[in-house]
Amino acid sequence: MILDTVVKQKRHFDTNNKGDIEMYRNFMITHSWGRQGCPFTLEFPHLTIPDMIRDKLMHKYMKIEQE
């Protein structure tokens, strides 16, 4: 669809996807998501995408179950 080429679809951050983790790492270094903007959707109850990702990664590496 033509609209998909203009507006990139947002997706959930996947803690098992190395590409997603590398994109977040690059954001932390450059403080920018790049020309395309942030590709991730904000999930409840988080207020910002960087905080949401940080929380998800912390839960994964500390082996804490998320609700």
C-alpha atoms as a PDB file:
ATOM      1  CA  MET A   1       0.000   0.000   0.000  1.00  0.00           C
ATOM      2  CA  ILE A   2       1.278   3.489  -0.829  1.00  0.00           C
ATOM      3  CA  LEU A   3       0.522   4.838   2.645  1.00  0.00           C
ATOM      4  CA  ASP A   4       2.867   2.236   4.205  1.00  0.00           C
ATOM      5  CA  THR A   5       5.787   3.691   2.246  1.00  0.00           C
ATOM      6  CA  VAL A   6       5.077   7.192   3.560  1.00  0.00           C
ATOM      7  CA  VAL A   7       4.104   6.427   7.170  1.00  0.00           C
ATOM      8  CA  LYS A   8       6.180   3.758   8.877  1.00  0.00           C
ATOM      9  CA  GLN A   9       4.168   1.421  11.041  1.00  0.00           C
ATOM     10  CA  LYS A  10       5.014   1.402  14.757  1.00  0.00           C
ATOM     11  CA  ARG A  11       5.726  -1.880  16.509  1.00  0.00           C
ATOM     12  CA  HIS A  12       6.292  -3.226  20.005  1.00  0.00           C
ATOM     13  CA  PHE A  13       9.874  -3.270  21.304  1.00  0.00           C
ATOM     14  CA  ASP A  14      11.142  -6.861  21.380  1.00  0.00           C
ATOM     15  CA  THR A  15      13.761  -7.595  24.041  1.00  0.00           C
ATOM     16  CA  ASN A  16      14.836 -10.689  22.074  1.00  0.00           C
ATOM     17  CA  ASN A  17      15.440  -8.787  18.823  1.00  0.00           C
ATOM     18  CA  LYS A  18      19.091  -7.732  18.503  1.00  0.00           C
ATOM     19  CA  GLY A  19      18.124  -5.067  15.954  1.00  0.00           C
ATOM     20  CA  ASP A  20      15.707  -3.447  18.419  1.00  0.00           C
ATOM     21  CA  ILE A  21      18.334  -3.493  21.168  1.00  0.00           C
ATOM     22  CA  GLU A  22      20.962  -2.000  18.835  1.00  0.00           C
ATOM     23  CA  MET A  23      18.525   0.732  17.792  1.00  0.00           C
ATOM     24  CA  TYR A  24      17.912   1.597  21.461  1.00  0.00           C
ATOM     25  CA  ARG A  25      21.682   1.543  22.131  1.00  0.00           C
ATOM     26  CA  ASN A  26      22.220   3.951  19.249  1.00  0.00           C
ATOM     27  CA  PHE A  27      19.466   6.190  20.641  1.00  0.00           C
ATOM     28  CA  MET A  28      21.194   6.259  24.029  1.00  0.00           C
ATOM     29  CA  ILE A  29      24.481   7.299  22.380  1.00  0.00           C
ATOM     30  CA  THR A  30      23.133   9.870  19.897  1.00  0.00           C
ATOM     31  CA  HIS A  31      19.934  10.984  21.696  1.00  0.00           C
ATOM     32  CA  SER A  32      18.097  10.595  18.380  1.00  0.00           C
ATOM     33  CA  TRP A  33      16.018   7.919  16.672  1.00  0.00           C
ATOM     34  CA  GLY A  34      17.252   9.092  13.275  1.00  0.00           C
ATOM     35  CA  ARG A  35      15.425  10.439  10.238  1.00  0.00           C
ATOM     36  CA  GLN A  36      12.611   7.895  10.411  1.00  0.00           C
ATOM     37  CA  GLY A  37      11.785   8.671  14.055  1.00  0.00           C
ATOM     38  CA  CYS A  38      11.024   6.158  16.765  1.00  0.00           C
ATOM     39  CA  PRO A  39       9.668   2.868  15.372  1.00  0.00           C
ATOM     40  CA  PHE A  40       8.177   1.679  18.677  1.00  0.00           C
ATOM     41  CA  THR A  41       4.752   2.124  20.240  1.00  0.00           C
ATOM     42  CA  LEU A  42       4.364   3.357  23.792  1.00  0.00           C
ATOM     43  CA  GLU A  43       2.806   0.729  26.033  1.00  0.00           C
ATOM     44  CA  PHE A  44       0.749   1.325  29.164  1.00  0.00           C
ATOM     45  CA  PRO A  45       1.659   2.227  31.952  1.00  0.00           C
ATOM     46  CA  HIS A  46       4.883   3.854  30.726  1.00  0.00           C
ATOM     47  CA  LEU A  47       5.134   7.588  30.038  1.00  0.00           C
ATOM     48  CA  THR A  48       8.087   7.598  27.612  1.00  0.00           C
ATOM     49  CA  ILE A  49       9.454   5.078  25.144  1.00  0.00           C
ATOM     50  CA  PRO A  50      13.057   5.181  26.480  1.00  0.00           C
ATOM     51  CA  ASP A  51      11.780   4.486  30.018  1.00  0.00           C
ATOM     52  CA  MET A  52       9.559   1.680  28.718  1.00  0.00           C
ATOM     53  CA  ILE A  53      12.488   0.027  26.921  1.00  0.00           C
ATOM     54  CA  ARG A  54      14.780   0.445  29.932  1.00  0.00           C
ATOM     55  CA  ASP A  55      12.136  -1.198  32.133  1.00  0.00           C
ATOM     56  CA  LYS A  56      11.619  -4.090  29.702  1.00  0.00           C
ATOM     57  CA  LEU A  57      15.357  -4.752  29.430  1.00  0.00           C
ATOM     58  CA  MET A  58      15.803  -4.583  33.202  1.00  0.00           C
ATOM     59  CA  HIS A  59      13.031  -7.130  33.696  1.00  0.00           C
ATOM     60  CA  LYS A  60      14.520  -9.424  31.053  1.00  0.00           C
ATOM     61  CA  TYR A  61      18.078  -9.422  32.385  1.00  0.00           C
ATOM     62  CA  MET A  62      17.028  -9.640  36.029  1.00  0.00           C
ATOM     63  CA  LYS A  63      14.650 -12.471  35.104  1.00  0.00           C
ATOM     64  CA  ILE A  64      11.597 -10.747  36.589  1.00  0.00           C
ATOM     65  CA  GLU A  65       8.198 -11.725  35.222  1.00  0.00           C
ATOM     66  CA  GLN A  66       6.263  -8.824  33.707  1.00  0.00           C
ATOM     67  CA  GLU A  67       2.514  -8.627  34.169  1.00  0.00           C
END
